[in-house]
Amino acid sequence: MGRPKGGTNKYWSAEEKYKIIKPILEYELTSGEVTRRTGISNGLLSTWVNKYKENGMVGLENKRKPGNPLAKIYSKKNFKNREEQLEYENMKLRIENERLKKGYLVKGDGSVVVFKK
């Protein structure tokens, strides 16, 4: 099925997930029947069921991803003070250091990445 090209991922709240898997948990419907009715893949349904069985409603809550650590700093074109500028430069150097440890070499503005052997 998948999402349409250029579309966004569907966000499911914990309550919505529970409403969808409740018939499976109460043995009213099979996961195949729920898949046909909702269009959600059987694998995703079984993941939700397993998470619910292990952790209850907390297991169905969406996890926040850490994201890009530079995003909050880089979005500011003009730094308010020297400390912010140094924090930004420090973060860039840490990232460059990690890339070098893994064998990557970044050229120019960072758009070209070369793997060193």
N, C-alpha and C. Protein backbone atom coordinates (compact mmCIF):
# COMPACT_ATOMS: atom_id res chain seq x y z
N MET A 1 0.84 -1.18 0.00
CA MET A 1 0.00 0.00 0.00
C MET A 1 0.89 1.24 0.00
N GLY A 2 1.58 1.54 1.08
CA GLY A 2 2.52 2.67 1.11
C GLY A 2 1.83 4.01 1.05
N ARG A 3 2.63 5.03 1.21
CA ARG A 3 2.09 6.38 1.13
C ARG A 3 2.27 6.93 -0.27
N PRO A 4 1.45 7.90 -0.66
CA PRO A 4 1.63 8.50 -1.98
C PRO A 4 2.95 9.27 -2.04
N LYS A 5 3.50 9.36 -3.23
CA LYS A 5 4.78 10.03 -3.40
C LYS A 5 4.67 11.48 -2.93
N GLY A 6 5.64 11.88 -2.12
CA GLY A 6 5.64 13.22 -1.59
C GLY A 6 4.76 13.40 -0.38
N GLY A 7 4.08 12.33 0.06
CA GLY A 7 3.21 12.41 1.22
C GLY A 7 4.01 12.35 2.51
N THR A 8 3.32 12.47 3.61
CA THR A 8 3.97 12.41 4.91
C THR A 8 3.56 11.13 5.61
N ASN A 9 4.35 10.73 6.59
CA ASN A 9 4.01 9.56 7.38
C ASN A 9 2.77 9.82 8.21
N LYS A 10 1.98 8.78 8.42
CA LYS A 10 0.77 8.89 9.24
C LYS A 10 1.17 8.88 10.69
N TYR A 11 0.63 9.79 11.46
CA TYR A 11 0.86 9.84 12.89
C TYR A 11 -0.29 9.14 13.60
N TRP A 12 0.04 8.19 14.45
CA TRP A 12 -0.97 7.47 15.22
C TRP A 12 -0.75 7.77 16.69
N SER A 13 -1.78 8.24 17.38
CA SER A 13 -1.67 8.44 18.83
C SER A 13 -1.81 7.08 19.51
N ALA A 14 -1.43 7.02 20.77
CA ALA A 14 -1.53 5.77 21.52
C ALA A 14 -2.98 5.30 21.60
N GLU A 15 -3.91 6.24 21.75
CA GLU A 15 -5.33 5.88 21.83
C GLU A 15 -5.83 5.29 20.52
N GLU A 16 -5.42 5.89 19.39
CA GLU A 16 -5.82 5.37 18.08
C GLU A 16 -5.27 3.97 17.87
N LYS A 17 -4.00 3.77 18.23
CA LYS A 17 -3.40 2.44 18.09
C LYS A 17 -4.17 1.41 18.92
N TYR A 18 -4.53 1.80 20.15
CA TYR A 18 -5.25 0.87 21.02
C TYR A 18 -6.62 0.52 20.44
N LYS A 19 -7.34 1.52 19.91
CA LYS A 19 -8.65 1.25 19.31
C LYS A 19 -8.53 0.26 18.15
N ILE A 20 -7.43 0.37 17.40
CA ILE A 20 -7.24 -0.51 16.25
C ILE A 20 -6.90 -1.93 16.68
N ILE A 21 -6.05 -2.08 17.71
CA ILE A 21 -5.63 -3.43 18.11
C ILE A 21 -6.54 -4.08 19.15
N LYS A 22 -7.48 -3.32 19.71
CA LYS A 22 -8.37 -3.87 20.75
C LYS A 22 -9.11 -5.13 20.29
N PRO A 23 -9.68 -5.18 19.08
CA PRO A 23 -10.35 -6.42 18.65
C PRO A 23 -9.39 -7.62 18.58
N ILE A 24 -8.13 -7.37 18.28
CA ILE A 24 -7.15 -8.46 18.24
C ILE A 24 -6.88 -8.95 19.66
N LEU A 25 -6.72 -8.01 20.59
CA LEU A 25 -6.41 -8.36 21.98
C LEU A 25 -7.56 -9.12 22.64
N GLU A 26 -8.78 -8.77 22.26
CA GLU A 26 -9.96 -9.40 22.86
C GLU A 26 -10.45 -10.60 22.05
N TYR A 27 -9.66 -11.01 21.07
CA TYR A 27 -9.95 -12.19 20.23
C TYR A 27 -11.28 -12.07 19.49
N GLU A 28 -11.68 -10.84 19.16
CA GLU A 28 -12.89 -10.63 18.36
C GLU A 28 -12.59 -10.79 16.87
N LEU A 29 -11.41 -10.30 16.45
CA LEU A 29 -10.99 -10.38 15.05
C LEU A 29 -9.55 -10.86 14.99
N THR A 30 -9.20 -11.44 13.85
CA THR A 30 -7.80 -11.82 13.65
C THR A 30 -7.04 -10.60 13.13
N SER A 31 -5.73 -10.67 13.20
CA SER A 31 -4.94 -9.55 12.70
C SER A 31 -5.13 -9.39 11.19
N GLY A 32 -5.37 -10.48 10.48
CA GLY A 32 -5.62 -10.40 9.04
C GLY A 32 -6.89 -9.64 8.72
N GLU A 33 -7.93 -9.86 9.53
CA GLU A 33 -9.19 -9.14 9.32
C GLU A 33 -9.02 -7.65 9.62
N VAL A 34 -8.28 -7.33 10.66
CA VAL A 34 -8.04 -5.93 11.00
C VAL A 34 -7.21 -5.28 9.89
N THR A 35 -6.25 -6.02 9.34
CA THR A 35 -5.43 -5.52 8.24
C THR A 35 -6.30 -5.16 7.05
N ARG A 36 -7.23 -6.05 6.70
CA ARG A 36 -8.10 -5.79 5.55
C ARG A 36 -9.02 -4.60 5.80
N ARG A 37 -9.50 -4.44 7.01
CA ARG A 37 -10.43 -3.35 7.32
C ARG A 37 -9.74 -1.98 7.40
N THR A 38 -8.52 -1.96 7.94
CA THR A 38 -7.85 -0.68 8.17
C THR A 38 -6.81 -0.33 7.12
N GLY A 39 -6.28 -1.34 6.43
CA GLY A 39 -5.22 -1.08 5.45
C GLY A 39 -3.85 -0.97 6.10
N ILE A 40 -3.75 -1.24 7.39
CA ILE A 40 -2.47 -1.21 8.09
C ILE A 40 -1.82 -2.58 7.96
N SER A 41 -0.52 -2.60 7.73
CA SER A 41 0.15 -3.88 7.50
C SER A 41 0.09 -4.77 8.74
N ASN A 42 0.11 -6.07 8.48
CA ASN A 42 0.06 -7.06 9.54
C ASN A 42 1.27 -6.94 10.46
N GLY A 43 2.43 -6.63 9.88
CA GLY A 43 3.65 -6.48 10.67
C GLY A 43 3.55 -5.33 11.66
N LEU A 44 2.99 -4.20 11.21
CA LEU A 44 2.83 -3.05 12.11
C LEU A 44 1.83 -3.37 13.22
N LEU A 45 0.76 -4.06 12.87
CA LEU A 45 -0.22 -4.43 13.89
C LEU A 45 0.41 -5.35 14.93
N SER A 46 1.18 -6.34 14.49
CA SER A 46 1.79 -7.24 15.46
C SER A 46 2.81 -6.51 16.33
N THR A 47 3.51 -5.52 15.77
CA THR A 47 4.43 -4.71 16.58
C THR A 47 3.67 -3.97 17.66
N TRP A 48 2.55 -3.36 17.29
CA TRP A 48 1.75 -2.63 18.27
C TRP A 48 1.22 -3.57 19.35
N VAL A 49 0.75 -4.75 18.95
CA VAL A 49 0.22 -5.72 19.92
C VAL A 49 1.32 -6.14 20.89
N ASN A 50 2.50 -6.45 20.38
CA ASN A 50 3.60 -6.88 21.24
C ASN A 50 4.03 -5.76 22.20
N LYS A 51 4.10 -4.53 21.69
CA LYS A 51 4.46 -3.40 22.56
C LYS A 51 3.41 -3.19 23.64
N TYR A 52 2.13 -3.36 23.28
CA TYR A 52 1.07 -3.21 24.27
C TYR A 52 1.15 -4.30 25.32
N LYS A 53 1.40 -5.54 24.91
CA LYS A 53 1.48 -6.65 25.86
C LYS A 53 2.67 -6.48 26.81
N GLU A 54 3.76 -5.90 26.32
CA GLU A 54 4.95 -5.72 27.15
C GLU A 54 4.83 -4.53 28.10
N ASN A 55 4.31 -3.39 27.60
CA ASN A 55 4.36 -2.15 28.37
C ASN A 55 3.02 -1.44 28.54
N GLY A 56 1.95 -2.00 28.07
CA GLY A 56 0.65 -1.35 28.18
C GLY A 56 0.57 -0.14 27.26
N MET A 57 -0.20 0.86 27.67
CA MET A 57 -0.39 2.05 26.84
C MET A 57 0.91 2.82 26.65
N VAL A 58 1.81 2.74 27.60
CA VAL A 58 3.10 3.43 27.47
C VAL A 58 3.87 2.89 26.27
N GLY A 59 3.74 1.59 26.00
CA GLY A 59 4.42 0.99 24.87
C GLY A 59 3.91 1.48 23.53
N LEU A 60 2.69 1.98 23.49
CA LEU A 60 2.11 2.46 22.24
C LEU A 60 2.44 3.92 21.95
N GLU A 61 3.00 4.62 22.93
CA GLU A 61 3.32 6.03 22.72
C GLU A 61 4.49 6.17 21.75
N ASN A 62 4.46 7.22 20.95
CA ASN A 62 5.52 7.46 19.98
C ASN A 62 6.78 7.94 20.68
N LYS A 63 7.90 7.45 20.21
CA LYS A 63 9.18 7.86 20.78
C LYS A 63 9.68 9.08 20.02
N ARG A 64 10.27 10.00 20.74
CA ARG A 64 10.84 11.20 20.11
C ARG A 64 12.24 10.88 19.64
N LYS A 65 12.52 11.28 18.42
CA LYS A 65 13.86 11.08 17.87
C LYS A 65 14.74 12.27 18.25
N PRO A 66 16.03 12.03 18.43
CA PRO A 66 16.89 13.12 18.90
C PRO A 66 17.07 14.25 17.90
N GLY A 67 17.06 13.95 16.63
CA GLY A 67 17.19 15.00 15.63
C GLY A 67 18.61 15.49 15.47
N ASN A 68 18.76 16.56 14.75
CA ASN A 68 20.07 17.13 14.47
C ASN A 68 20.47 18.08 15.59
N PRO A 69 21.61 17.80 16.27
CA PRO A 69 22.00 18.67 17.38
C PRO A 69 22.38 20.08 16.94
N LEU A 70 22.73 20.25 15.67
CA LEU A 70 23.11 21.57 15.18
C LEU A 70 21.92 22.41 14.75
N ALA A 71 20.75 21.80 14.64
CA ALA A 71 19.60 22.51 14.09
C ALA A 71 19.24 23.75 14.90
N LYS A 72 19.24 23.63 16.23
CA LYS A 72 18.85 24.78 17.04
C LYS A 72 19.87 25.91 16.95
N ILE A 73 21.12 25.56 16.78
CA ILE A 73 22.18 26.56 16.72
C ILE A 73 22.31 27.12 15.30
N TYR A 74 22.28 26.23 14.32
CA TYR A 74 22.52 26.63 12.95
C TYR A 74 21.40 27.51 12.40
N SER A 75 20.20 27.37 12.97
CA SER A 75 19.08 28.17 12.47
C SER A 75 19.28 29.65 12.79
N LYS A 76 20.16 29.94 13.72
CA LYS A 76 20.46 31.34 14.05
C LYS A 76 21.64 31.79 13.19
N LYS A 77 21.38 32.65 12.27
CA LYS A 77 22.45 33.14 11.39
C LYS A 77 23.42 34.02 12.15
N ASN A 78 22.87 34.88 12.98
CA ASN A 78 23.71 35.78 13.77
C ASN A 78 23.70 35.29 15.22
N PHE A 79 24.85 34.95 15.72
CA PHE A 79 24.94 34.49 17.10
C PHE A 79 24.82 35.68 18.04
N LYS A 80 24.12 35.47 19.14
CA LYS A 80 23.91 36.55 20.10
C LYS A 80 25.18 36.91 20.84
N ASN A 81 25.99 35.90 21.10
CA ASN A 81 27.22 36.17 21.83
C ASN A 81 28.31 35.19 21.40
N ARG A 82 29.47 35.41 21.91
CA ARG A 82 30.64 34.60 21.56
C ARG A 82 30.46 33.15 22.03
N GLU A 83 29.75 32.96 23.14
CA GLU A 83 29.53 31.62 23.68
C GLU A 83 28.76 30.74 22.69
N GLU A 84 27.70 31.29 22.09
CA GLU A 84 26.93 30.53 21.10
C GLU A 84 27.78 30.18 19.89
N GLN A 85 28.59 31.11 19.45
CA GLN A 85 29.46 30.85 18.30
C GLN A 85 30.45 29.73 18.63
N LEU A 86 31.03 29.76 19.82
CA LEU A 86 31.98 28.73 20.22
C LEU A 86 31.30 27.37 20.39
N GLU A 87 30.08 27.38 20.90
CA GLU A 87 29.32 26.14 21.04
C GLU A 87 29.07 25.51 19.67
N TYR A 88 28.72 26.34 18.70
CA TYR A 88 28.49 25.87 17.34
C TYR A 88 29.77 25.28 16.74
N GLU A 89 30.87 26.00 16.87
CA GLU A 89 32.14 25.51 16.32
C GLU A 89 32.57 24.22 17.01
N ASN A 90 32.36 24.14 18.32
CA ASN A 90 32.71 22.94 19.07
C ASN A 90 31.91 21.74 18.57
N MET A 91 30.62 21.92 18.34
CA MET A 91 29.77 20.84 17.86
C MET A 91 30.21 20.39 16.46
N LYS A 92 30.55 21.34 15.61
CA LYS A 92 31.03 20.99 14.27
C LYS A 92 32.31 20.16 14.35
N LEU A 93 33.22 20.54 15.24
CA LEU A 93 34.47 19.81 15.38
C LEU A 93 34.24 18.40 15.95
N ARG A 94 33.29 18.27 16.86
CA ARG A 94 32.96 16.93 17.38
C ARG A 94 32.42 16.03 16.27
N ILE A 95 31.56 16.57 15.45
CA ILE A 95 31.00 15.79 14.35
C ILE A 95 32.09 15.41 13.36
N GLU A 96 32.96 16.34 13.04
CA GLU A 96 34.06 16.06 12.13
C GLU A 96 34.97 14.98 12.71
N ASN A 97 35.23 15.04 14.01
CA ASN A 97 36.05 14.05 14.68
C ASN A 97 35.43 12.66 14.58
N GLU A 98 34.12 12.56 14.80
CA GLU A 98 33.43 11.27 14.69
C GLU A 98 33.49 10.73 13.27
N ARG A 99 33.34 11.60 12.30
CA ARG A 99 33.43 11.17 10.89
C ARG A 99 34.82 10.64 10.58
N LEU A 100 35.84 11.32 11.07
CA LEU A 100 37.21 10.87 10.83
C LEU A 100 37.48 9.52 11.49
N LYS A 101 36.93 9.29 12.67
CA LYS A 101 37.07 8.00 13.34
C LYS A 101 36.48 6.89 12.49
N LYS A 102 35.39 7.19 11.81
CA LYS A 102 34.71 6.19 10.98
C LYS A 102 35.33 6.09 9.59
N GLY A 103 36.25 6.97 9.28
CA GLY A 103 36.92 6.89 7.99
C GLY A 103 36.34 7.77 6.91
N TYR A 104 35.55 8.75 7.27
CA TYR A 104 34.97 9.65 6.28
C TYR A 104 35.76 10.96 6.24
N LEU A 105 35.90 11.50 5.07
CA LEU A 105 36.55 12.78 4.90
C LEU A 105 35.57 13.71 4.18
N VAL A 106 35.31 14.85 4.77
CA VAL A 106 34.37 15.81 4.20
C VAL A 106 35.15 16.89 3.49
N LYS A 107 34.75 17.18 2.25
CA LYS A 107 35.43 18.21 1.47
C LYS A 107 34.52 19.41 1.26
N GLY A 108 35.12 20.56 1.22
CA GLY A 108 34.38 21.79 0.91
C GLY A 108 33.35 22.14 1.96
N ASP A 109 32.13 22.39 1.51
CA ASP A 109 31.08 22.82 2.42
C ASP A 109 30.37 21.67 3.11
N GLY A 110 30.87 20.46 2.94
CA GLY A 110 30.26 19.29 3.58
C GLY A 110 29.35 18.51 2.68
N SER A 111 29.17 18.97 1.44
CA SER A 111 28.27 18.26 0.53
C SER A 111 28.96 17.06 -0.13
N VAL A 112 30.30 17.03 -0.08
CA VAL A 112 31.04 15.91 -0.66
C VAL A 112 31.70 15.13 0.47
N VAL A 113 31.33 13.84 0.58
CA VAL A 113 31.89 12.98 1.61
C VAL A 113 32.65 11.85 0.91
N VAL A 114 33.92 11.65 1.29
CA VAL A 114 34.77 10.64 0.68
C VAL A 114 35.14 9.65 1.76
N PHE A 115 35.07 8.37 1.44
CA PHE A 115 35.45 7.33 2.40
C PHE A 115 36.94 7.02 2.25
N LYS A 116 37.68 7.15 3.35
CA LYS A 116 39.11 6.84 3.33
C LYS A 116 39.30 5.38 3.71
N LYS A 117 40.24 4.71 3.06
CA LYS A 117 40.52 3.31 3.40
C LYS A 117 41.71 3.21 4.31
